[in-house]
Amino acid sequence: MKASKIAGSLQVLLDARQPVFIWGPPGVGKSDVVRQVAEARNVALRDVRALLLDPVDLRGLPCLTGNGQATWAIPDFLPSKGEGILFLDELNAATAMVQASCYQLVLDRRLGDYTLPDGWSIVAAGNRESDRGVTTRMPTPLRNRFTHLNFEVDTQEWCEWAVRSSIRPEAIAFVRFRPALLSAFDRDANAFPSPRSWAFVSKILAAAPDTDVEHDLIAGTVGDAAATEFSAFLATFRNLPNIDAILMNPDREPVPGNAAAQFAVASALAHCATDHNFDRICTYLDRMPKEFSVMSVRDALLRQPAVQHTPTYTKWAVTNHHVMA
């Protein structure tokens, strides 16, 4: 299930106050989706890393009341009022005793004398056992308390998020060129491609490392095989037709012939598009294969929504309405 469907399903399950568990490999963005849903609902998000808890951390510590009786001091990370999402991240990485402590909390919304406020919902997430992450098999009674959703990576959705999040155009263009390398989990490798690791690559590129260490830094982030392909793509990206020259002579500057360079040019043009230069960008894009033109315009709209108010975009949208649906 891709991220948008996970988000939509969460909205339904949160309204129903039904506990939900999101499964997926490392680095695909499980916690990011939960955070985005909380922001969309304008509610609090209480992120509890179950892996770091001991059973007593959930139950609280005993303390004496004024009449000499013992009561339990509830931990402050459990909400006492308002509305929100109690996010038990890495729940299946917690010890068996911690997971057992969650039985009553997840099903009955209670934990001893503590009651989860009516406005709060429970969401949990974790890696799959096949990922060889730190996991403790969830007991069947606890599994049966959740609705389970499986997270799958979608290239188009990630690219749209990446454009809005100012991820470097080189990384976005490469992922579009080699979508299989957006997420290529390797349980035996220290580094492998994932949505999270490509965001790290973007940060590395933004830091402008020396060329003699750049490849090693990228390999240490996404693995040797992906880094080798990406480095070759970078060489193409950095030897593109000059973008300023394209904007000055959009009807004369040459259009690259190979797909890698076309992905790179289309992404670079989307990255620099504004409502002031969009007419010249469209003039050049009209000379490219249709799929690259559509990709570039869509990315430009995500980065600069003002583009859609230009006469050039109106004309382009009318001409290409059949491919923009």
C-alpha atoms as a PDB file:
ATOM      1  CA  MET A   1       0.000   0.000   0.000  1.00  0.00           C
ATOM      2  CA  LYS A   2       1.596   3.293  -1.079  1.00  0.00           C
ATOM      3  CA  ALA A   3       1.928   6.301   1.209  1.00  0.00           C
ATOM      4  CA  SER A   4      -1.210   8.137   0.051  1.00  0.00           C
ATOM      5  CA  LYS A   5      -3.344   5.047   0.683  1.00  0.00           C
ATOM      6  CA  ILE A   6      -1.688   4.533   4.066  1.00  0.00           C
ATOM      7  CA  ALA A   7      -2.565   8.138   4.943  1.00  0.00           C
ATOM      8  CA  GLY A   8      -6.165   7.728   3.778  1.00  0.00           C
ATOM      9  CA  SER A   9      -6.540   4.466   5.680  1.00  0.00           C
ATOM     10  CA  LEU A  10      -5.135   6.076   8.812  1.00  0.00           C
ATOM     11  CA  GLN A  11      -7.751   8.832   8.616  1.00  0.00           C
ATOM     12  CA  VAL A  12     -10.527   6.223   8.611  1.00  0.00           C
ATOM     13  CA  LEU A  13      -9.006   4.120  11.382  1.00  0.00           C
ATOM     14  CA  LEU A  14      -8.263   7.129  13.570  1.00  0.00           C
ATOM     15  CA  ASP A  15     -11.886   8.267  13.281  1.00  0.00           C
ATOM     16  CA  ALA A  16     -12.954   4.755  14.316  1.00  0.00           C
ATOM     17  CA  ARG A  17     -10.419   4.736  17.205  1.00  0.00           C
ATOM     18  CA  GLN A  18      -9.120   1.450  15.795  1.00  0.00           C
ATOM     19  CA  PRO A  19      -5.461   0.670  16.649  1.00  0.00           C
ATOM     20  CA  VAL A  20      -3.320   0.222  13.533  1.00  0.00           C
ATOM     21  CA  PHE A  21       0.124  -1.255  12.881  1.00  0.00           C
ATOM     22  CA  ILE A  22       2.171  -0.130   9.847  1.00  0.00           C
ATOM     23  CA  TRP A  23       4.701  -2.649   8.525  1.00  0.00           C
ATOM     24  CA  GLY A  24       7.553  -1.813   6.166  1.00  0.00           C
ATOM     25  CA  PRO A  25      11.295  -2.062   5.540  1.00  0.00           C
ATOM     26  CA  PRO A  26      13.705   0.454   7.082  1.00  0.00           C
ATOM     27  CA  GLY A  27      13.825   3.957   5.659  1.00  0.00           C
ATOM     28  CA  VAL A  28      10.598   4.000   3.638  1.00  0.00           C
ATOM     29  CA  GLY A  29       8.930   6.775   5.660  1.00  0.00           C
ATOM     30  CA  LYS A  30       6.489   5.039   8.005  1.00  0.00           C
ATOM     31  CA  SER A  31       6.929   7.585  10.791  1.00  0.00           C
ATOM     32  CA  ASP A  32       6.812  10.456   8.288  1.00  0.00           C
ATOM     33  CA  VAL A  33       3.343   9.403   7.104  1.00  0.00           C
ATOM     34  CA  VAL A  34       2.070   9.263  10.690  1.00  0.00           C
ATOM     35  CA  ARG A  35       3.531  12.706  11.349  1.00  0.00           C
ATOM     36  CA  GLN A  36       1.919  14.130   8.201  1.00  0.00           C
ATOM     37  CA  VAL A  37      -1.482  12.692   9.145  1.00  0.00           C
ATOM     38  CA  ALA A  38      -1.211  14.255  12.615  1.00  0.00           C
ATOM     39  CA  GLU A  39      -0.388  17.625  11.046  1.00  0.00           C
ATOM     40  CA  ALA A  40      -3.272  17.301   8.575  1.00  0.00           C
ATOM     41  CA  ARG A  41      -5.687  16.600  11.451  1.00  0.00           C
ATOM     42  CA  ASN A  42      -4.101  19.371  13.530  1.00  0.00           C
ATOM     43  CA  VAL A  43      -3.662  17.069  16.526  1.00  0.00           C
ATOM     44  CA  ALA A  44      -0.737  16.276  18.778  1.00  0.00           C
ATOM     45  CA  LEU A  45       1.678  13.441  18.048  1.00  0.00           C
ATOM     46  CA  ARG A  46       3.242  11.645  21.008  1.00  0.00           C
ATOM     47  CA  ASP A  47       6.143   9.610  19.590  1.00  0.00           C
ATOM     48  CA  VAL A  48       7.101   6.796  21.975  1.00  0.00           C
ATOM     49  CA  ARG A  49      10.056   4.599  20.967  1.00  0.00           C
ATOM     50  CA  ALA A  50       8.974   1.256  22.363  1.00  0.00           C
ATOM     51  CA  LEU A  51      12.449  -0.195  21.754  1.00  0.00           C
ATOM     52  CA  LEU A  52      13.850   2.053  24.508  1.00  0.00           C
ATOM     53  CA  LEU A  53      11.249   1.153  27.133  1.00  0.00           C
ATOM     54  CA  ASP A  54      11.281  -1.242  30.054  1.00  0.00           C
ATOM     55  CA  PRO A  55       7.985  -2.707  31.290  1.00  0.00           C
ATOM     56  CA  VAL A  56       8.062  -0.437  34.337  1.00  0.00           C
ATOM     57  CA  ASP A  57       8.311   2.617  32.042  1.00  0.00           C
ATOM     58  CA  LEU A  58       4.772   1.968  30.791  1.00  0.00           C
ATOM     59  CA  ARG A  59       3.213   0.878  34.061  1.00  0.00           C
ATOM     60  CA  GLY A  60       4.837   3.657  36.054  1.00  0.00           C
ATOM     61  CA  LEU A  61       6.416   3.565  39.506  1.00  0.00           C
ATOM     62  CA  PRO A  62       4.584   2.835  42.753  1.00  0.00           C
ATOM     63  CA  CYS A  63       4.353   5.670  45.232  1.00  0.00           C
ATOM     64  CA  LEU A  64       2.637   6.201  48.591  1.00  0.00           C
ATOM     65  CA  THR A  65      -0.451   8.360  48.965  1.00  0.00           C
ATOM     66  CA  GLY A  66      -1.265  10.418  52.045  1.00  0.00           C
ATOM     67  CA  ASN A  67      -3.207   7.560  53.631  1.00  0.00           C
ATOM     68  CA  GLY A  68      -0.336   5.131  53.280  1.00  0.00           C
ATOM     69  CA  GLN A  69      -1.689   3.261  50.265  1.00  0.00           C
ATOM     70  CA  ALA A  70       0.361   2.631  47.131  1.00  0.00           C
ATOM     71  CA  THR A  71      -0.603   4.045  43.752  1.00  0.00           C
ATOM     72  CA  TRP A  72       1.093   4.160  40.372  1.00  0.00           C
ATOM     73  CA  ALA A  73       2.822   7.296  39.059  1.00  0.00           C
ATOM     74  CA  ILE A  74       1.844   7.394  35.379  1.00  0.00           C
ATOM     75  CA  PRO A  75       4.747   8.213  32.976  1.00  0.00           C
ATOM     76  CA  ASP A  76       4.523  11.698  31.518  1.00  0.00           C
ATOM     77  CA  PHE A  77       4.753  10.456  27.894  1.00  0.00           C
ATOM     78  CA  LEU A  78       1.234   9.003  28.184  1.00  0.00           C
ATOM     79  CA  PRO A  79      -1.272  11.776  27.354  1.00  0.00           C
ATOM     80  CA  SER A  80      -3.740  12.998  29.963  1.00  0.00           C
ATOM     81  CA  LYS A  81      -5.986  15.286  27.895  1.00  0.00           C
ATOM     82  CA  GLY A  82      -6.705  16.710  24.465  1.00  0.00           C
ATOM     83  CA  GLU A  83      -6.580  14.938  21.095  1.00  0.00           C
ATOM     84  CA  GLY A  84      -3.755  13.238  19.284  1.00  0.00           C
ATOM     85  CA  ILE A  85      -1.960  10.120  18.111  1.00  0.00           C
ATOM     86  CA  LEU A  86      -0.009   7.919  20.506  1.00  0.00           C
ATOM     87  CA  PHE A  87       2.637   6.531  18.149  1.00  0.00           C
ATOM     88  CA  LEU A  88       4.354   3.363  19.388  1.00  0.00           C
ATOM     89  CA  ASP A  89       7.241   3.286  16.942  1.00  0.00           C
ATOM     90  CA  GLU A  90       9.383   0.149  16.650  1.00  0.00           C
ATOM     91  CA  LEU A  91       6.896  -1.709  18.843  1.00  0.00           C
ATOM     92  CA  ASN A  92       7.902  -5.118  17.522  1.00  0.00           C
ATOM     93  CA  ALA A  93      11.536  -4.311  18.379  1.00  0.00           C
ATOM     94  CA  ALA A  94      10.635  -3.959  22.049  1.00  0.00           C
ATOM     95  CA  THR A  95      11.163  -6.794  24.493  1.00  0.00           C
ATOM     96  CA  ALA A  96       8.437  -9.371  24.968  1.00  0.00           C
ATOM     97  CA  MET A  97       7.622  -7.923  28.403  1.00  0.00           C
ATOM     98  CA  VAL A  98       7.118  -4.415  26.986  1.00  0.00           C
ATOM     99  CA  GLN A  99       4.892  -5.793  24.236  1.00  0.00           C
ATOM    100  CA  ALA A 100       2.889  -7.692  26.849  1.00  0.00           C
ATOM    101  CA  SER A 101       2.445  -4.433  28.765  1.00  0.00           C
ATOM    102  CA  CYS A 102       0.765  -3.003  25.674  1.00  0.00           C
ATOM    103  CA  TYR A 103      -2.023  -5.626  25.570  1.00  0.00           C
ATOM    104  CA  GLN A 104      -4.440  -3.703  27.764  1.00  0.00           C
ATOM    105  CA  LEU A 105      -3.399  -0.279  26.457  1.00  0.00           C
ATOM    106  CA  VAL A 106      -4.021  -1.208  22.811  1.00  0.00           C
ATOM    107  CA  LEU A 107      -7.302  -3.096  23.232  1.00  0.00           C
ATOM    108  CA  ASP A 108      -8.959  -1.510  26.277  1.00  0.00           C
ATOM    109  CA  ARG A 109      -7.246   1.906  26.101  1.00  0.00           C
ATOM    110  CA  ARG A 110      -6.267   1.371  29.717  1.00  0.00           C
ATOM    111  CA  LEU A 111      -3.106   0.519  31.625  1.00  0.00           C
ATOM    112  CA  GLY A 112      -3.813  -0.251  35.265  1.00  0.00           C
ATOM    113  CA  ASP A 113      -5.425   2.884  36.685  1.00  0.00           C
ATOM    114  CA  TYR A 114      -4.532   4.927  33.584  1.00  0.00           C
ATOM    115  CA  THR A 115      -7.107   5.550  30.829  1.00  0.00           C
ATOM    116  CA  LEU A 116      -6.172   6.904  27.389  1.00  0.00           C
ATOM    117  CA  PRO A 117      -8.255  10.063  26.754  1.00  0.00           C
ATOM    118  CA  ASP A 118     -11.118   9.678  24.263  1.00  0.00           C
ATOM    119  CA  GLY A 119      -9.495  12.079  21.792  1.00  0.00           C
ATOM    120  CA  TRP A 120      -6.390   9.925  21.375  1.00  0.00           C
ATOM    121  CA  SER A 121      -5.760   7.046  18.963  1.00  0.00           C
ATOM    122  CA  ILE A 122      -3.022   4.402  18.899  1.00  0.00           C
ATOM    123  CA  VAL A 123      -0.767   3.842  15.890  1.00  0.00           C
ATOM    124  CA  ALA A 124       2.231   1.508  15.914  1.00  0.00           C
ATOM    125  CA  ALA A 125       4.919   0.751  13.343  1.00  0.00           C
ATOM    126  CA  GLY A 126       7.826  -1.585  12.853  1.00  0.00           C
ATOM    127  CA  ASN A 127      10.104  -3.394  10.447  1.00  0.00           C
ATOM    128  CA  ARG A 128       9.242  -6.795   9.057  1.00  0.00           C
ATOM    129  CA  GLU A 129      10.930  -9.846  10.562  1.00  0.00           C
ATOM    130  CA  SER A 130      12.365 -10.679   7.122  1.00  0.00           C
ATOM    131  CA  ASP A 131      14.299  -7.381   7.188  1.00  0.00           C
ATOM    132  CA  ARG A 132      16.648  -8.724   9.870  1.00  0.00           C
ATOM    133  CA  GLY A 133      16.149  -5.624  11.933  1.00  0.00           C
ATOM    134  CA  VAL A 134      15.972  -5.741  15.706  1.00  0.00           C
ATOM    135  CA  THR A 135      12.619  -7.475  16.156  1.00  0.00           C
ATOM    136  CA  THR A 136      10.869  -9.591  18.751  1.00  0.00           C
ATOM    137  CA  ARG A 137       8.029 -11.614  17.324  1.00  0.00           C
ATOM    138  CA  MET A 138       4.768 -10.004  18.409  1.00  0.00           C
ATOM    139  CA  PRO A 139       2.564 -12.293  20.480  1.00  0.00           C
ATOM    140  CA  THR A 140      -0.603 -13.360  18.681  1.00  0.00           C
ATOM    141  CA  PRO A 141      -2.921 -11.641  21.196  1.00  0.00           C
ATOM    142  CA  LEU A 142      -1.172  -8.315  20.546  1.00  0.00           C
ATOM    143  CA  ARG A 143      -1.185  -8.769  16.754  1.00  0.00           C
ATOM    144  CA  ASN A 144      -4.909  -9.467  16.907  1.00  0.00           C
ATOM    145  CA  ARG A 145      -5.531  -6.108  18.558  1.00  0.00           C
ATOM    146  CA  PHE A 146      -4.388  -4.147  15.445  1.00  0.00           C
ATOM    147  CA  THR A 147      -5.484  -3.510  11.899  1.00  0.00           C
ATOM    148  CA  HIS A 148      -2.320  -4.191   9.856  1.00  0.00           C
ATOM    149  CA  LEU A 149      -1.180  -2.073   6.870  1.00  0.00           C
ATOM    150  CA  ASN A 150       1.812  -2.926   4.660  1.00  0.00           C
ATOM    151  CA  PHE A 151       3.817   0.073   3.427  1.00  0.00           C
ATOM    152  CA  GLU A 152       5.106   0.012  -0.162  1.00  0.00           C
ATOM    153  CA  VAL A 153       7.269   2.659  -1.813  1.00  0.00           C
ATOM    154  CA  ASP A 154       5.817   4.523  -4.813  1.00  0.00           C
ATOM    155  CA  THR A 155       8.310   6.379  -7.016  1.00  0.00           C
ATOM    156  CA  GLN A 156       5.929   9.092  -8.209  1.00  0.00           C
ATOM    157  CA  GLU A 157       4.736   9.906  -4.702  1.00  0.00           C
ATOM    158  CA  TRP A 158       8.300  10.044  -3.396  1.00  0.00           C
ATOM    159  CA  CYS A 159       9.370  12.346  -6.233  1.00  0.00           C
ATOM    160  CA  GLU A 160       6.442  14.673  -5.549  1.00  0.00           C
ATOM    161  CA  TRP A 161       7.380  14.760  -1.874  1.00  0.00           C
ATOM    162  CA  ALA A 162      11.040  15.311  -2.802  1.00  0.00           C
ATOM    163  CA  VAL A 163      10.198  18.301  -5.005  1.00  0.00           C
ATOM    164  CA  ARG A 164       8.117  19.899  -2.237  1.00  0.00           C
ATOM    165  CA  SER A 165      10.885  19.171   0.289  1.00  0.00           C
ATOM    166  CA  SER A 166      13.652  20.758  -1.826  1.00  0.00           C
ATOM    167  CA  ILE A 167      15.532  17.516  -2.376  1.00  0.00           C
ATOM    168  CA  ARG A 168      18.345  18.091  -4.879  1.00  0.00           C
ATOM    169  CA  PRO A 169      17.193  17.792  -8.518  1.00  0.00           C
ATOM    170  CA  GLU A 170      20.070  15.415  -9.273  1.00  0.00           C
ATOM    171  CA  ALA A 171      18.663  12.869  -6.808  1.00  0.00           C
ATOM    172  CA  ILE A 172      15.094  13.273  -8.058  1.00  0.00           C
ATOM    173  CA  ALA A 173      16.135  12.930 -11.700  1.00  0.00           C
ATOM    174  CA  PHE A 174      18.182   9.810 -10.953  1.00  0.00           C
ATOM    175  CA  VAL A 175      15.337   8.132  -9.056  1.00  0.00           C
ATOM    176  CA  ARG A 176      13.050   8.812 -11.995  1.00  0.00           C
ATOM    177  CA  PHE A 177      15.669   7.396 -14.362  1.00  0.00           C
ATOM    178  CA  ARG A 178      16.293   4.320 -12.160  1.00  0.00           C
ATOM    179  CA  PRO A 179      13.101   3.851 -10.079  1.00  0.00           C
ATOM    180  CA  ALA A 180      14.202   0.384  -8.951  1.00  0.00           C
ATOM    181  CA  LEU A 181      16.946   2.062  -6.917  1.00  0.00           C
ATOM    182  CA  LEU A 182      14.614   4.230  -4.856  1.00  0.00           C
ATOM    183  CA  SER A 183      14.202   1.356  -2.431  1.00  0.00           C
ATOM    184  CA  ALA A 184      16.442  -1.686  -2.793  1.00  0.00           C
ATOM    185  CA  PHE A 185      16.650  -3.143   0.692  1.00  0.00           C
ATOM    186  CA  ASP A 186      19.676  -5.362   1.315  1.00  0.00           C
ATOM    187  CA  ARG A 187      19.550  -6.941   4.747  1.00  0.00           C
ATOM    188  CA  ASP A 188      23.241  -7.907   4.579  1.00  0.00           C
ATOM    189  CA  ALA A 189      24.587  -4.458   3.624  1.00  0.00           C
ATOM    190  CA  ASN A 190      25.475  -1.548   5.876  1.00  0.00           C
ATOM    191  CA  ALA A 191      24.154   0.929   3.300  1.00  0.00           C
ATOM    192  CA  PHE A 192      21.413   0.441   0.730  1.00  0.00           C
ATOM    193  CA  PRO A 193      19.044   2.655  -1.284  1.00  0.00           C
ATOM    194  CA  SER A 194      15.904   3.813   0.510  1.00  0.00           C
ATOM    195  CA  PRO A 195      13.791   6.972   0.450  1.00  0.00           C
ATOM    196  CA  ARG A 196      15.517   8.081   3.642  1.00  0.00           C
ATOM    197  CA  SER A 197      19.042   7.435   2.320  1.00  0.00           C
ATOM    198  CA  TRP A 198      18.374   9.404  -0.906  1.00  0.00           C
ATOM    199  CA  ALA A 199      17.349  12.341   1.262  1.00  0.00           C
ATOM    200  CA  PHE A 200      20.726  11.940   2.997  1.00  0.00           C
ATOM    201  CA  VAL A 201      22.454  11.947  -0.417  1.00  0.00           C
ATOM    202  CA  SER A 202      20.715  15.250  -1.159  1.00  0.00           C
ATOM    203  CA  LYS A 203      22.216  16.731   2.011  1.00  0.00           C
ATOM    204  CA  ILE A 204      25.663  15.462   1.019  1.00  0.00           C
ATOM    205  CA  LEU A 205      25.402  17.079  -2.420  1.00  0.00           C
ATOM    206  CA  ALA A 206      24.239  20.335  -0.864  1.00  0.00           C
ATOM    207  CA  ALA A 207      27.419  20.352   1.241  1.00  0.00           C
ATOM    208  CA  ALA A 208      29.498  20.350  -1.997  1.00  0.00           C
ATOM    209  CA  PRO A 209      32.102  17.718  -0.993  1.00  0.00           C
ATOM    210  CA  ASP A 210      35.423  17.443  -2.812  1.00  0.00           C
ATOM    211  CA  THR A 211      35.250  15.232  -5.885  1.00  0.00           C
ATOM    212  CA  ASP A 212      37.821  12.816  -4.447  1.00  0.00           C
ATOM    213  CA  VAL A 213      35.522  11.895  -1.533  1.00  0.00           C
ATOM    214  CA  GLU A 214      32.084  12.456  -3.062  1.00  0.00           C
ATOM    215  CA  HIS A 215      31.668   8.917  -4.399  1.00  0.00           C
ATOM    216  CA  ASP A 216      32.777   7.349  -1.116  1.00  0.00           C
ATOM    217  CA  LEU A 217      30.288   9.459   0.826  1.00  0.00           C
ATOM    218  CA  ILE A 218      27.448   8.465  -1.482  1.00  0.00           C
ATOM    219  CA  ALA A 219      28.499   4.789  -1.402  1.00  0.00           C
ATOM    220  CA  GLY A 220      28.448   4.956   2.381  1.00  0.00           C
ATOM    221  CA  THR A 221      24.861   6.161   2.188  1.00  0.00           C
ATOM    222  CA  VAL A 222      23.194   4.079  -0.563  1.00  0.00           C
ATOM    223  CA  GLY A 223      25.708   1.287  -1.149  1.00  0.00           C
ATOM    224  CA  ASP A 224      28.436   0.726  -3.749  1.00  0.00           C
ATOM    225  CA  ALA A 225      26.259  -0.434  -6.658  1.00  0.00           C
ATOM    226  CA  ALA A 226      23.739   2.414  -6.438  1.00  0.00           C
ATOM    227  CA  ALA A 227      26.533   4.946  -5.853  1.00  0.00           C
ATOM    228  CA  THR A 228      28.373   3.812  -8.989  1.00  0.00           C
ATOM    229  CA  GLU A 229      25.275   4.311 -11.130  1.00  0.00           C
ATOM    230  CA  PHE A 230      24.481   7.610  -9.458  1.00  0.00           C
ATOM    231  CA  SER A 231      28.018   8.920  -9.940  1.00  0.00           C
ATOM    232  CA  ALA A 232      27.804   8.138 -13.655  1.00  0.00           C
ATOM    233  CA  PHE A 233      24.455   9.918 -13.774  1.00  0.00           C
ATOM    234  CA  LEU A 234      25.955  12.908 -11.958  1.00  0.00           C
ATOM    235  CA  ALA A 235      28.631  13.189 -14.630  1.00  0.00           C
ATOM    236  CA  THR A 236      25.865  13.432 -17.231  1.00  0.00           C
ATOM    237  CA  PHE A 237      23.887  15.886 -15.116  1.00  0.00           C
ATOM    238  CA  ARG A 238      26.868  18.160 -14.647  1.00  0.00           C
ATOM    239  CA  ASN A 239      27.577  18.241 -18.382  1.00  0.00           C
ATOM    240  CA  LEU A 240      24.073  19.209 -19.453  1.00  0.00           C
ATOM    241  CA  PRO A 241      23.372  21.960 -21.923  1.00  0.00           C
ATOM    242  CA  ASN A 242      23.741  25.183 -19.965  1.00  0.00           C
ATOM    243  CA  ILE A 243      20.396  25.984 -18.326  1.00  0.00           C
ATOM    244  CA  ASP A 244      20.948  29.722 -18.677  1.00  0.00           C
ATOM    245  CA  ALA A 245      21.654  29.197 -22.365  1.00  0.00           C
ATOM    246  CA  ILE A 246      18.419  27.218 -22.686  1.00  0.00           C
ATOM    247  CA  LEU A 247      16.469  30.049 -21.080  1.00  0.00           C
ATOM    248  CA  MET A 248      18.080  32.579 -23.422  1.00  0.00           C
ATOM    249  CA  ASN A 249      17.575  30.509 -26.604  1.00  0.00           C
ATOM    250  CA  PRO A 250      14.922  27.873 -25.833  1.00  0.00           C
ATOM    251  CA  ASP A 251      14.113  27.265 -29.485  1.00  0.00           C
ATOM    252  CA  ARG A 252      17.739  26.751 -30.571  1.00  0.00           C
ATOM    253  CA  GLU A 253      19.691  25.117 -27.753  1.00  0.00           C
ATOM    254  CA  PRO A 254      20.183  21.390 -28.504  1.00  0.00           C
ATOM    255  CA  VAL A 255      17.996  18.762 -26.850  1.00  0.00           C
ATOM    256  CA  PRO A 256      20.038  15.808 -25.493  1.00  0.00           C
ATOM    257  CA  GLY A 257      19.445  12.503 -27.199  1.00  0.00           C
ATOM    258  CA  ASN A 258      19.858   9.967 -24.372  1.00  0.00           C
ATOM    259  CA  ALA A 259      17.262   9.284 -21.689  1.00  0.00           C
ATOM    260  CA  ALA A 260      19.512   9.980 -18.703  1.00  0.00           C
ATOM    261  CA  ALA A 261      20.319  13.473 -19.967  1.00  0.00           C
ATOM    262  CA  GLN A 262      16.663  14.119 -20.796  1.00  0.00           C
ATOM    263  CA  PHE A 263      15.620  13.214 -17.248  1.00  0.00           C
ATOM    264  CA  ALA A 264      18.358  15.506 -15.965  1.00  0.00           C
ATOM    265  CA  VAL A 265      17.410  18.489 -18.154  1.00  0.00           C
ATOM    266  CA  ALA A 266      13.706  18.144 -17.387  1.00  0.00           C
ATOM    267  CA  SER A 267      14.407  18.071 -13.631  1.00  0.00           C
ATOM    268  CA  ALA A 268      16.821  21.003 -13.816  1.00  0.00           C
ATOM    269  CA  LEU A 269      14.293  23.121 -15.709  1.00  0.00           C
ATOM    270  CA  ALA A 270      11.560  22.291 -13.197  1.00  0.00           C
ATOM    271  CA  HIS A 271      13.916  23.276 -10.394  1.00  0.00           C
ATOM    272  CA  CYS A 272      14.496  26.748 -11.817  1.00  0.00           C
ATOM    273  CA  ALA A 273      10.986  27.414 -13.180  1.00  0.00           C
ATOM    274  CA  THR A 274       9.175  30.594 -12.122  1.00  0.00           C
ATOM    275  CA  ASP A 275       6.145  32.468 -13.385  1.00  0.00           C
ATOM    276  CA  HIS A 276       8.582  34.834 -15.131  1.00  0.00           C
ATOM    277  CA  ASN A 277      10.527  32.277 -17.193  1.00  0.00           C
ATOM    278  CA  PHE A 278       7.908  29.568 -17.674  1.00  0.00           C
ATOM    279  CA  ASP A 279       7.142  30.627 -21.245  1.00  0.00           C
ATOM    280  CA  ARG A 280      10.753  30.027 -22.275  1.00  0.00           C
ATOM    281  CA  ILE A 281      10.898  26.741 -20.386  1.00  0.00           C
ATOM    282  CA  CYS A 282       7.769  25.521 -22.173  1.00  0.00           C
ATOM    283  CA  THR A 283       9.258  26.509 -25.524  1.00  0.00           C
ATOM    284  CA  TYR A 284      12.182  24.174 -24.841  1.00  0.00           C
ATOM    285  CA  LEU A 285      10.032  21.431 -23.299  1.00  0.00           C
ATOM    286  CA  ASP A 286       7.855  21.342 -26.402  1.00  0.00           C
ATOM    287  CA  ARG A 287      10.922  20.083 -28.262  1.00  0.00           C
ATOM    288  CA  MET A 288      11.422  17.183 -25.846  1.00  0.00           C
ATOM    289  CA  PRO A 289       9.542  13.860 -25.760  1.00  0.00           C
ATOM    290  CA  LYS A 290       6.111  14.348 -24.192  1.00  0.00           C
ATOM    291  CA  GLU A 291       6.773  12.311 -21.042  1.00  0.00           C
ATOM    292  CA  PHE A 292       9.684  14.574 -20.047  1.00  0.00           C
ATOM    293  CA  SER A 293       7.670  17.706 -20.741  1.00  0.00           C
ATOM    294  CA  VAL A 294       4.816  16.482 -18.512  1.00  0.00           C
ATOM    295  CA  MET A 295       7.218  15.426 -15.757  1.00  0.00           C
ATOM    296  CA  SER A 296       8.953  18.802 -15.751  1.00  0.00           C
ATOM    297  CA  VAL A 297       5.721  20.815 -15.687  1.00  0.00           C
ATOM    298  CA  ARG A 298       4.288  18.744 -12.840  1.00  0.00           C
ATOM    299  CA  ASP A 299       7.438  19.247 -10.769  1.00  0.00           C
ATOM    300  CA  ALA A 300       7.455  22.964 -11.558  1.00  0.00           C
ATOM    301  CA  LEU A 301       3.877  23.270 -10.275  1.00  0.00           C
ATOM    302  CA  LEU A 302       4.818  21.523  -7.032  1.00  0.00           C
ATOM    303  CA  ARG A 303       7.745  23.887  -6.427  1.00  0.00           C
ATOM    304  CA  GLN A 304       6.182  27.097  -7.765  1.00  0.00           C
ATOM    305  CA  PRO A 305       2.349  27.020  -7.725  1.00  0.00           C
ATOM    306  CA  ALA A 306       2.312  30.546  -9.222  1.00  0.00           C
ATOM    307  CA  VAL A 307       3.291  28.975 -12.552  1.00  0.00           C
ATOM    308  CA  GLN A 308      -0.279  27.747 -13.038  1.00  0.00           C
ATOM    309  CA  HIS A 309      -1.530  31.329 -13.231  1.00  0.00           C
ATOM    310  CA  THR A 310       0.540  32.169 -16.306  1.00  0.00           C
ATOM    311  CA  PRO A 311      -1.018  32.319 -19.797  1.00  0.00           C
ATOM    312  CA  THR A 312       1.671  29.898 -20.978  1.00  0.00           C
ATOM    313  CA  TYR A 313       0.585  27.240 -18.482  1.00  0.00           C
ATOM    314  CA  THR A 314      -3.072  27.684 -19.412  1.00  0.00           C
ATOM    315  CA  LYS A 315      -2.226  27.135 -23.071  1.00  0.00           C
ATOM    316  CA  TRP A 316       0.034  24.173 -22.246  1.00  0.00           C
ATOM    317  CA  ALA A 317      -2.602  22.577 -19.990  1.00  0.00           C
ATOM    318  CA  VAL A 318      -5.298  22.856 -22.672  1.00  0.00           C
ATOM    319  CA  THR A 319      -3.007  21.238 -25.228  1.00  0.00           C
ATOM    320  CA  ASN A 320      -1.902  18.466 -22.862  1.00  0.00           C
ATOM    321  CA  HIS A 321      -5.032  17.919 -20.781  1.00  0.00           C
ATOM    322  CA  HIS A 322      -5.215  14.262 -21.892  1.00  0.00           C
ATOM    323  CA  VAL A 323      -1.870  13.467 -20.242  1.00  0.00           C
ATOM    324  CA  MET A 324      -2.282  15.620 -17.120  1.00  0.00           C
ATOM    325  CA  ALA A 325      -5.340  13.832 -15.739  1.00  0.00           C
END
